Amino acid sequence: MSAPLVHRHHGALRALGTLPTVCVLALALGPVTASAARAADATAAASGTSAQGIRLPVIPGALRSGAACTKASPTAMKVTPWTHNVLDLSGAWEFSRGAGVTVAVVDTGVAPGTRGLAGRVTAAGAAADDCVGHGSFVAGLIAGAAGGGSGADFSGIAPQARILAVRGTDPLGRTDADRVAAGIRTAADARAQVIAVPLTLTSGGAALTSAVRYAAAHDCLVVAAAAPDSAPAAGAGTASASADSVRPRRYWPAAERGVLSVVDFGPDGTRPKDAPQPDDADLAAPGDKVVGAGPRGTGHFTGSGASFATAYVAGAAALVRSRDPQLTAAQAFRRLTSTAYPADVPRLDAYAALTAVPHGETRPAATVPPRPVVWSAADGRGARLIAAVVVAVALVSVLAAAAARGAVRGRRRRAVPSGTE
């Protein structure tokens, strides 16, 4: 088990305090060099095991030069992913499914034919072509609306949201600060309320800082992965696969002022022991051994890392923006963090974010759906309770009537002159 992260806010609320609305940027993978791309390609060829113990292909973050595009998965899951229960999606969906919100995914692209996204993907430029598949997988976690057979549900966290695909990498998934910055600006210009960019960098720069500020000026709340999905291979030109790869460090744009940073956890509530460690994170969300659709076919892939955790936080932001569109960016930030489950790094609680109203905030009465009282008929307790209420009301009515009659008789006696009775 990896060491717990130290949670601290880094001025994000102060930086966003005057923004009137919200859109979200969720960012998460690391910069990819040639050797890192080869390692990613090897990982893509391997099989991963889902939380239910089923072998699934791993969705890659990048491909090596000359590699074929990610093939369709031959395996379709028949069990609802563990993430649905952890996030209490059935409860959250009583209040919001993300309708009316567009989520931009700045990544490797999003294939319009991705399972569960048909008719809800708009692509900017070349982003309709996703050779790698990572962007399509992330988009499915955010907004997919698909069943998996045998009663299984593979919907994303915000299954009625729309997806705007924006390319933030080259066709093989390799990226840098300039590409990420350009993707952020494109998404902000498109006025997407939520912008997910699953790309992290080991250093920032003026262009990236400017892009984050540009997004903030366009009413966007930036949500970024606090760490890459996996440690880069030794000699890749970034952190080595030694002790340095798990030493806490800063990643961009999560380290930028005003950014909501996210880290992942798995089905057992922990992170992989060799996972890259950030030196800070604001929220934790499911991200390890997650299951979703790829860019082609009807099978499923699995993946682990903070990029997938940021997908869930971006989707949760879409739920909140759909339910409470009057929230400012600072209020959306506060809503997600203040309602999170307490832990070393507070854990995303989508249901609480949709139902709780933190101190100092208000919610228009019209946006609160009525909650009917349901009497449980289990083992007769509901029926007995109803009968008891009826009897109690009837008894009170009888006693009240008797008291009234007694009062009338008393008044009559007092009114009759002496000797007339």
Protein backbone atom coordinates (compact mmCIF):
# COMPACT_ATOMS: atom_id res chain seq x y z
CA MET A 1 0.00 0.00 0.00
CA SER A 2 1.35 3.38 -0.90
CA ALA A 3 1.83 6.13 1.61
CA PRO A 4 -1.18 8.40 2.14
CA LEU A 5 -1.22 11.71 0.37
CA VAL A 6 -1.29 14.97 2.29
CA HIS A 7 -4.33 17.00 1.29
CA ARG A 8 -4.11 20.75 1.01
CA HIS A 9 -5.89 23.37 -1.07
CA HIS A 10 -3.51 25.60 -2.96
CA GLY A 11 -5.39 28.84 -3.40
CA ALA A 12 -7.83 27.47 -5.96
CA LEU A 13 -10.93 28.96 -4.38
CA ARG A 14 -9.30 32.37 -4.06
CA ALA A 15 -8.28 32.24 -7.69
CA LEU A 16 -11.80 31.27 -8.85
CA GLY A 17 -13.85 33.38 -6.47
CA THR A 18 -15.21 35.80 -9.07
CA LEU A 19 -16.09 33.40 -11.91
CA PRO A 20 -19.83 33.28 -12.67
CA THR A 21 -20.15 29.79 -14.19
CA VAL A 22 -18.18 26.58 -14.50
CA CYS A 23 -16.55 24.35 -17.02
CA VAL A 24 -14.11 21.68 -16.03
CA LEU A 25 -10.75 20.54 -17.29
CA ALA A 26 -9.71 17.08 -16.17
CA LEU A 27 -6.11 16.23 -17.04
CA ALA A 28 -4.17 13.07 -16.57
CA LEU A 29 -1.43 11.26 -18.52
CA GLY A 30 2.29 12.00 -18.70
CA PRO A 31 4.42 13.26 -21.60
CA VAL A 32 5.34 10.41 -23.90
CA THR A 33 8.78 9.91 -25.39
CA ALA A 34 9.67 7.15 -27.86
CA SER A 35 10.66 4.65 -25.16
CA ALA A 36 7.60 5.52 -23.08
CA ALA A 37 5.44 4.95 -26.15
CA ARG A 38 7.01 1.52 -26.65
CA ALA A 39 6.26 0.66 -23.03
CA ALA A 40 2.69 1.83 -23.48
CA ASP A 41 2.36 -0.27 -26.62
CA ALA A 42 3.61 -3.33 -24.76
CA THR A 43 1.10 -2.67 -22.02
CA ALA A 44 -1.65 -2.41 -24.63
CA ALA A 45 -0.77 -5.87 -25.93
CA ALA A 46 -1.00 -7.37 -22.47
CA SER A 47 -4.22 -8.34 -20.74
CA GLY A 48 -5.52 -6.76 -17.58
CA THR A 49 -7.79 -8.19 -14.92
CA SER A 50 -10.91 -6.26 -14.00
CA ALA A 51 -12.17 -5.93 -10.44
CA GLN A 52 -14.48 -8.88 -11.17
CA GLY A 53 -11.54 -11.10 -12.13
CA ILE A 54 -12.28 -11.11 -15.87
CA ARG A 55 -9.35 -10.73 -18.26
CA LEU A 56 -9.68 -7.65 -20.45
CA PRO A 57 -7.26 -5.83 -22.77
CA VAL A 58 -5.66 -2.73 -21.27
CA ILE A 59 -6.47 0.58 -22.96
CA PRO A 60 -3.16 2.21 -23.95
CA GLY A 61 -2.19 5.81 -23.31
CA ALA A 62 0.01 6.03 -26.42
CA LEU A 63 1.32 3.88 -29.30
CA ARG A 64 4.83 3.44 -30.67
CA SER A 65 5.68 4.70 -34.13
CA GLY A 66 4.35 2.41 -36.84
CA ALA A 67 2.03 0.53 -34.49
CA ALA A 68 -1.45 -0.45 -35.63
CA CYS A 69 -4.44 1.25 -34.08
CA THR A 70 -5.93 -0.35 -30.97
CA LYS A 71 -8.12 -3.26 -32.03
CA ALA A 72 -11.61 -3.92 -30.72
CA SER A 73 -11.78 -5.91 -27.51
CA PRO A 74 -13.01 -9.50 -27.98
CA THR A 75 -14.48 -9.62 -24.46
CA ALA A 76 -17.70 -8.05 -23.21
CA MET A 77 -18.29 -7.80 -19.47
CA LYS A 78 -21.54 -9.15 -18.02
CA VAL A 79 -21.21 -7.58 -14.55
CA THR A 80 -21.86 -3.95 -13.63
CA PRO A 81 -18.53 -2.26 -12.81
CA TRP A 82 -17.58 -1.79 -9.16
CA THR A 83 -17.40 1.95 -9.70
CA HIS A 84 -21.19 2.22 -9.97
CA ASN A 85 -21.73 1.09 -6.38
CA VAL A 86 -18.85 3.12 -4.96
CA LEU A 87 -20.18 6.29 -6.59
CA ASP A 88 -23.83 5.41 -5.81
CA LEU A 89 -24.80 6.28 -9.36
CA SER A 90 -28.34 4.95 -8.99
CA GLY A 91 -28.89 7.46 -6.19
CA ALA A 92 -27.14 10.32 -7.98
CA TRP A 93 -29.18 9.76 -11.14
CA GLU A 94 -32.37 10.52 -9.22
CA PHE A 95 -31.21 14.15 -9.25
CA SER A 96 -29.13 14.56 -12.40
CA ARG A 97 -27.81 12.70 -15.43
CA GLY A 98 -25.88 15.59 -16.93
CA ALA A 99 -28.51 16.72 -19.43
CA GLY A 100 -27.75 20.03 -21.09
CA VAL A 101 -24.02 19.92 -20.30
CA THR A 102 -21.25 19.44 -22.87
CA VAL A 103 -18.04 17.81 -21.70
CA ALA A 104 -14.96 18.43 -23.84
CA VAL A 105 -12.38 15.63 -23.83
CA VAL A 106 -8.94 16.91 -24.83
CA ASP A 107 -7.02 13.69 -25.43
CA THR A 108 -6.26 11.28 -28.26
CA GLY A 109 -9.65 11.95 -29.87
CA VAL A 110 -13.07 10.38 -29.44
CA ALA A 111 -14.44 8.01 -32.05
CA PRO A 112 -18.08 8.93 -32.83
CA GLY A 113 -18.92 5.20 -32.94
CA THR A 114 -17.75 4.58 -29.37
CA ARG A 115 -20.28 2.35 -27.65
CA GLY A 116 -22.82 4.33 -25.66
CA LEU A 117 -21.97 7.71 -27.23
CA ALA A 118 -23.82 7.48 -30.56
CA GLY A 119 -25.30 10.81 -31.59
CA ARG A 120 -23.72 12.71 -28.69
CA VAL A 121 -20.16 13.34 -29.95
CA THR A 122 -19.03 16.47 -31.79
CA ALA A 123 -15.41 16.58 -32.93
CA ALA A 124 -13.13 19.60 -33.37
CA GLY A 125 -10.82 19.13 -36.33
CA ALA A 126 -9.13 15.73 -36.48
CA ALA A 127 -10.41 14.63 -33.06
CA ALA A 128 -13.02 12.31 -34.59
CA ASP A 129 -10.16 9.88 -35.35
CA ASP A 130 -8.94 8.02 -32.26
CA CYS A 131 -6.26 5.49 -33.18
CA VAL A 132 -5.05 5.05 -29.59
CA GLY A 133 -8.46 4.69 -27.93
CA HIS A 134 -7.65 6.43 -24.65
CA GLY A 135 -9.84 9.46 -25.33
CA SER A 136 -12.76 7.26 -26.34
CA PHE A 137 -12.40 5.20 -23.17
CA VAL A 138 -12.34 8.36 -21.01
CA ALA A 139 -15.37 9.78 -22.84
CA GLY A 140 -17.28 6.58 -22.16
CA LEU A 141 -16.53 6.79 -18.44
CA ILE A 142 -17.86 10.33 -18.46
CA ALA A 143 -20.97 10.10 -20.61
CA GLY A 144 -21.48 6.60 -21.98
CA ALA A 145 -25.06 5.31 -21.95
CA ALA A 146 -24.84 1.58 -22.53
CA GLY A 147 -25.99 -1.68 -21.01
CA GLY A 148 -23.66 -4.65 -20.85
CA GLY A 149 -26.16 -7.50 -21.07
CA SER A 150 -27.50 -9.71 -18.28
CA GLY A 151 -28.70 -6.62 -16.45
CA ALA A 152 -25.21 -5.05 -16.30
CA ASP A 153 -24.97 -1.28 -16.73
CA PHE A 154 -21.89 0.31 -18.31
CA SER A 155 -23.18 3.87 -18.39
CA GLY A 156 -20.78 6.67 -17.59
CA ILE A 157 -21.32 8.89 -14.58
CA ALA A 158 -23.20 11.54 -16.64
CA PRO A 159 -25.01 9.48 -19.31
CA GLN A 160 -27.07 12.36 -20.73
CA ALA A 161 -24.16 14.76 -21.22
CA ARG A 162 -22.74 15.51 -24.66
CA ILE A 163 -19.09 15.04 -25.65
CA LEU A 164 -16.89 17.53 -27.52
CA ALA A 165 -13.77 15.76 -28.78
CA VAL A 166 -10.62 17.92 -28.93
CA ARG A 167 -7.22 16.54 -29.96
CA GLY A 168 -4.53 17.26 -27.33
CA THR A 169 -1.92 14.82 -28.70
CA ASP A 170 -0.50 13.65 -31.99
CA PRO A 171 -2.22 10.62 -33.60
CA LEU A 172 -0.07 8.24 -31.52
CA GLY A 173 -0.90 9.87 -28.21
CA ARG A 174 2.34 11.82 -27.71
CA THR A 175 1.91 15.25 -26.20
CA ASP A 176 3.65 18.30 -24.77
CA ALA A 177 2.75 21.54 -23.02
CA ASP A 178 1.98 23.40 -26.25
CA ARG A 179 -0.47 20.74 -27.46
CA VAL A 180 -2.21 20.61 -24.08
CA ALA A 181 -2.41 24.40 -23.94
CA ALA A 182 -3.88 24.58 -27.44
CA GLY A 183 -6.45 21.92 -26.56
CA ILE A 184 -7.51 23.79 -23.43
CA ARG A 185 -7.99 27.00 -25.40
CA THR A 186 -10.01 25.24 -28.11
CA ALA A 187 -12.27 23.67 -25.51
CA ALA A 188 -12.73 26.98 -23.70
CA ASP A 189 -13.58 28.76 -26.95
CA ALA A 190 -16.22 26.10 -27.65
CA ARG A 191 -17.91 27.00 -24.33
CA ALA A 192 -18.02 23.44 -23.06
CA GLN A 193 -19.16 23.59 -19.44
CA VAL A 194 -16.84 20.71 -18.55
CA ILE A 195 -13.47 20.04 -20.18
CA ALA A 196 -11.62 16.79 -19.49
CA VAL A 197 -7.99 16.63 -20.60
CA PRO A 198 -6.41 13.31 -19.50
CA LEU A 199 -2.81 14.47 -20.04
CA THR A 200 -0.26 15.38 -17.36
CA LEU A 201 3.18 16.90 -17.75
CA THR A 202 6.30 16.84 -15.61
CA SER A 203 6.76 20.57 -16.16
CA GLY A 204 4.55 23.50 -17.03
CA GLY A 205 5.44 26.71 -18.79
CA ALA A 206 4.07 30.07 -19.84
CA ALA A 207 1.80 28.66 -22.56
CA LEU A 208 0.14 26.19 -20.21
CA THR A 209 -0.25 28.76 -17.42
CA SER A 210 -1.78 31.19 -19.91
CA ALA A 211 -4.17 28.52 -21.21
CA VAL A 212 -5.41 27.67 -17.71
CA ARG A 213 -5.98 31.37 -17.01
CA TYR A 214 -7.76 31.67 -20.36
CA ALA A 215 -10.07 28.81 -19.38
CA ALA A 216 -10.76 30.50 -16.05
CA ALA A 217 -11.61 33.73 -17.85
CA HIS A 218 -14.12 31.73 -19.88
CA ASP A 219 -15.77 30.44 -16.69
CA CYS A 220 -14.03 27.06 -16.55
CA LEU A 221 -13.12 25.10 -13.45
CA VAL A 222 -9.95 23.16 -14.18
CA VAL A 223 -9.81 19.59 -12.85
CA ALA A 224 -6.45 17.88 -13.39
CA ALA A 225 -4.88 14.55 -12.52
CA ALA A 226 -2.45 14.88 -9.67
CA ALA A 227 -0.19 12.13 -11.12
CA PRO A 228 0.38 10.18 -14.36
CA ASP A 229 -1.30 6.83 -14.91
CA SER A 230 1.92 4.85 -14.53
CA ALA A 231 5.61 5.35 -13.92
CA PRO A 232 7.56 5.90 -17.17
CA ALA A 233 10.21 3.38 -18.15
CA ALA A 234 13.78 3.91 -16.98
CA GLY A 235 15.69 6.11 -19.38
CA ALA A 236 12.53 7.66 -20.80
CA GLY A 237 13.80 11.15 -20.04
CA THR A 238 11.34 11.76 -17.21
CA ALA A 239 11.17 10.06 -13.81
CA SER A 240 12.94 6.70 -13.75
CA ALA A 241 11.31 3.43 -12.73
CA SER A 242 13.27 3.47 -9.48
CA ALA A 243 12.45 4.95 -6.10
CA ASP A 244 12.28 8.33 -7.81
CA SER A 245 9.17 7.20 -9.70
CA VAL A 246 7.15 6.94 -6.48
CA ARG A 247 8.67 9.93 -4.72
CA PRO A 248 5.97 12.62 -4.31
CA ARG A 249 6.33 15.37 -6.88
CA ARG A 250 4.35 18.01 -8.72
CA TYR A 251 2.66 17.50 -12.08
CA TRP A 252 1.12 20.02 -14.46
CA PRO A 253 -1.40 21.46 -14.99
CA ALA A 254 -2.54 20.12 -11.58
CA ALA A 255 0.13 22.27 -9.96
CA GLU A 256 -1.26 25.45 -11.51
CA ARG A 257 -3.04 27.89 -9.24
CA GLY A 258 -6.82 27.43 -9.26
CA VAL A 259 -6.77 23.80 -10.45
CA LEU A 260 -8.74 21.02 -8.73
CA SER A 261 -6.34 18.05 -8.67
CA VAL A 262 -7.46 14.41 -8.60
CA VAL A 263 -5.86 11.10 -7.69
CA ASP A 264 -7.12 7.54 -8.16
CA PHE A 265 -7.99 4.57 -5.94
CA GLY A 266 -9.00 0.98 -6.63
CA PRO A 267 -11.71 -1.46 -5.51
CA ASP A 268 -9.95 -2.02 -2.17
CA GLY A 269 -9.67 1.71 -1.53
CA THR A 270 -5.90 1.90 -2.10
CA ARG A 271 -3.58 2.86 -4.96
CA PRO A 272 -1.05 0.49 -6.56
CA LYS A 273 2.14 0.51 -4.50
CA ASP A 274 4.26 1.50 -7.51
CA ALA A 275 1.91 4.25 -8.72
CA PRO A 276 3.44 7.71 -9.26
CA GLN A 277 2.90 9.83 -6.16
CA PRO A 278 1.76 13.46 -6.31
CA ASP A 279 2.74 15.83 -3.55
CA ASP A 280 -0.83 17.15 -3.39
CA ALA A 281 -4.38 16.22 -4.36
CA ASP A 282 -7.78 17.75 -3.64
CA LEU A 283 -10.01 14.78 -4.46
CA ALA A 284 -9.75 11.02 -4.96
CA ALA A 285 -12.04 9.03 -7.24
CA PRO A 286 -12.24 5.49 -8.66
CA GLY A 287 -9.49 5.02 -11.21
CA ASP A 288 -7.91 1.58 -10.87
CA LYS A 289 -9.27 -1.51 -12.62
CA VAL A 290 -12.05 0.51 -14.19
CA VAL A 291 -13.95 -0.95 -17.14
CA GLY A 292 -15.32 0.82 -20.20
CA ALA A 293 -15.74 0.87 -23.96
CA GLY A 294 -13.02 1.31 -26.56
CA PRO A 295 -13.12 3.24 -29.84
CA ARG A 296 -14.23 0.23 -31.84
CA GLY A 297 -16.42 -2.82 -31.37
CA THR A 298 -18.73 -3.83 -28.54
CA GLY A 299 -16.16 -5.35 -26.17
CA HIS A 300 -14.68 -3.74 -23.06
CA PHE A 301 -11.25 -2.58 -21.92
CA THR A 302 -9.76 -1.96 -18.50
CA GLY A 303 -7.47 0.78 -17.26
CA SER A 304 -5.82 2.10 -14.11
CA GLY A 305 -4.64 5.57 -13.21
CA ALA A 306 -5.54 9.14 -12.37
CA SER A 307 -6.72 9.93 -15.91
CA PHE A 308 -9.72 7.71 -15.30
CA ALA A 309 -10.33 9.19 -11.85
CA THR A 310 -10.42 12.65 -13.42
CA ALA A 311 -13.00 11.35 -15.89
CA TYR A 312 -15.31 10.53 -12.98
CA VAL A 313 -14.72 13.90 -11.32
CA ALA A 314 -15.38 15.68 -14.63
CA GLY A 315 -18.58 13.66 -14.99
CA ALA A 316 -19.60 14.54 -11.43
CA ALA A 317 -19.04 18.21 -12.26
CA ALA A 318 -21.35 17.76 -15.25
CA LEU A 319 -24.02 16.32 -12.93
CA VAL A 320 -23.66 19.29 -10.58
CA ARG A 321 -23.68 21.83 -13.44
CA SER A 322 -26.80 20.23 -14.87
CA ARG A 323 -28.65 20.22 -11.55
CA ASP A 324 -27.49 23.64 -10.33
CA PRO A 325 -26.57 25.72 -13.41
CA GLN A 326 -26.53 28.89 -11.32
CA LEU A 327 -23.36 27.83 -9.46
CA THR A 328 -20.19 29.83 -10.02
CA ALA A 329 -16.90 28.07 -10.65
CA ALA A 330 -15.81 28.64 -7.05
CA GLN A 331 -19.10 27.19 -5.78
CA ALA A 332 -18.75 24.13 -8.02
CA PHE A 333 -15.22 23.60 -6.70
CA ARG A 334 -16.49 23.94 -3.14
CA ARG A 335 -19.49 21.70 -3.76
CA LEU A 336 -17.33 18.82 -4.97
CA THR A 337 -14.67 19.15 -2.27
CA SER A 338 -16.80 20.09 0.74
CA THR A 339 -19.21 17.18 0.21
CA ALA A 340 -16.44 14.63 -0.34
CA TYR A 341 -16.02 11.70 2.03
CA PRO A 342 -13.35 12.55 4.64
CA ALA A 343 -10.02 10.78 4.08
CA ASP A 344 -6.33 11.62 3.68
CA VAL A 345 -7.44 12.78 0.25
CA PRO A 346 -11.22 13.42 0.39
CA ARG A 347 -13.12 10.99 -1.82
CA LEU A 348 -15.64 12.06 -4.42
CA ASP A 349 -19.25 11.64 -3.26
CA ALA A 350 -21.44 12.37 -6.29
CA TYR A 351 -24.71 11.82 -4.41
CA ALA A 352 -23.75 14.24 -1.64
CA ALA A 353 -22.58 16.83 -4.16
CA LEU A 354 -26.05 16.75 -5.71
CA THR A 355 -28.09 16.74 -2.52
CA ALA A 356 -26.16 18.71 0.11
CA VAL A 357 -26.16 22.50 0.19
CA PRO A 358 -22.96 23.69 1.91
CA HIS A 359 -23.09 26.59 4.33
CA GLY A 360 -23.36 29.90 2.54
CA GLU A 361 -24.98 28.48 -0.60
CA THR A 362 -28.62 28.42 -1.62
CA ARG A 363 -30.55 26.26 -4.03
CA PRO A 364 -33.72 27.51 -5.74
CA ALA A 365 -36.71 25.58 -4.42
CA ALA A 366 -37.76 24.67 -7.95
CA THR A 367 -34.59 22.63 -8.49
CA VAL A 368 -35.24 20.32 -5.53
CA PRO A 369 -37.39 17.35 -6.63
CA PRO A 370 -40.04 16.25 -4.12
CA ARG A 371 -39.08 13.20 -2.10
CA PRO A 372 -42.23 11.08 -1.55
CA VAL A 373 -42.60 9.20 1.71
CA VAL A 374 -42.55 5.48 0.97
CA TRP A 375 -44.00 3.08 3.50
CA SER A 376 -42.14 -0.22 3.50
CA ALA A 377 -44.37 -3.25 3.35
CA ALA A 378 -41.54 -5.53 4.43
CA ASP A 379 -42.72 -7.97 7.16
CA GLY A 380 -45.87 -5.89 7.70
CA ARG A 381 -44.19 -3.02 9.50
CA GLY A 382 -45.40 -0.48 6.95
CA ALA A 383 -49.02 -1.65 7.22
CA ARG A 384 -48.90 -1.69 11.03
CA LEU A 385 -47.45 1.80 11.10
CA ILE A 386 -50.19 3.14 8.81
CA ALA A 387 -52.88 1.44 10.95
CA ALA A 388 -51.39 2.90 14.12
CA VAL A 389 -51.41 6.39 12.64
CA VAL A 390 -55.06 6.03 11.57
CA VAL A 391 -56.10 4.77 15.02
CA ALA A 392 -54.21 7.58 16.74
CA VAL A 393 -55.84 10.23 14.55
CA ALA A 394 -59.29 8.73 15.16
CA LEU A 395 -58.73 8.60 18.93
CA VAL A 396 -57.61 12.22 19.02
CA SER A 397 -60.69 13.20 17.04
CA VAL A 398 -63.03 11.35 19.46
CA LEU A 399 -61.40 12.89 22.51
CA ALA A 400 -61.55 16.35 20.97
CA ALA A 401 -65.22 15.95 20.14
CA ALA A 402 -66.02 14.71 23.68
CA ALA A 403 -64.15 17.64 25.19
CA ALA A 404 -66.07 20.05 22.99
CA ARG A 405 -69.42 18.56 24.02
CA GLY A 406 -68.46 18.78 27.69
CA ALA A 407 -67.50 22.42 27.30
CA VAL A 408 -70.85 23.23 25.66
CA ARG A 409 -72.82 21.52 28.46
CA GLY A 410 -70.80 23.46 31.05
CA ARG A 411 -71.59 26.76 29.37
CA ARG A 412 -75.29 25.85 29.22
CA ARG A 413 -75.41 25.02 32.94
CA ARG A 414 -73.78 28.33 33.81
CA ALA A 415 -76.30 30.14 31.61
CA VAL A 416 -79.49 28.57 33.22
CA PRO A 417 -80.99 30.75 36.09
CA SER A 418 -81.16 29.17 39.54
CA GLY A 419 -84.36 27.20 40.21
CA THR A 420 -85.36 26.63 36.59
CA GLU A 421 -83.88 23.15 36.32
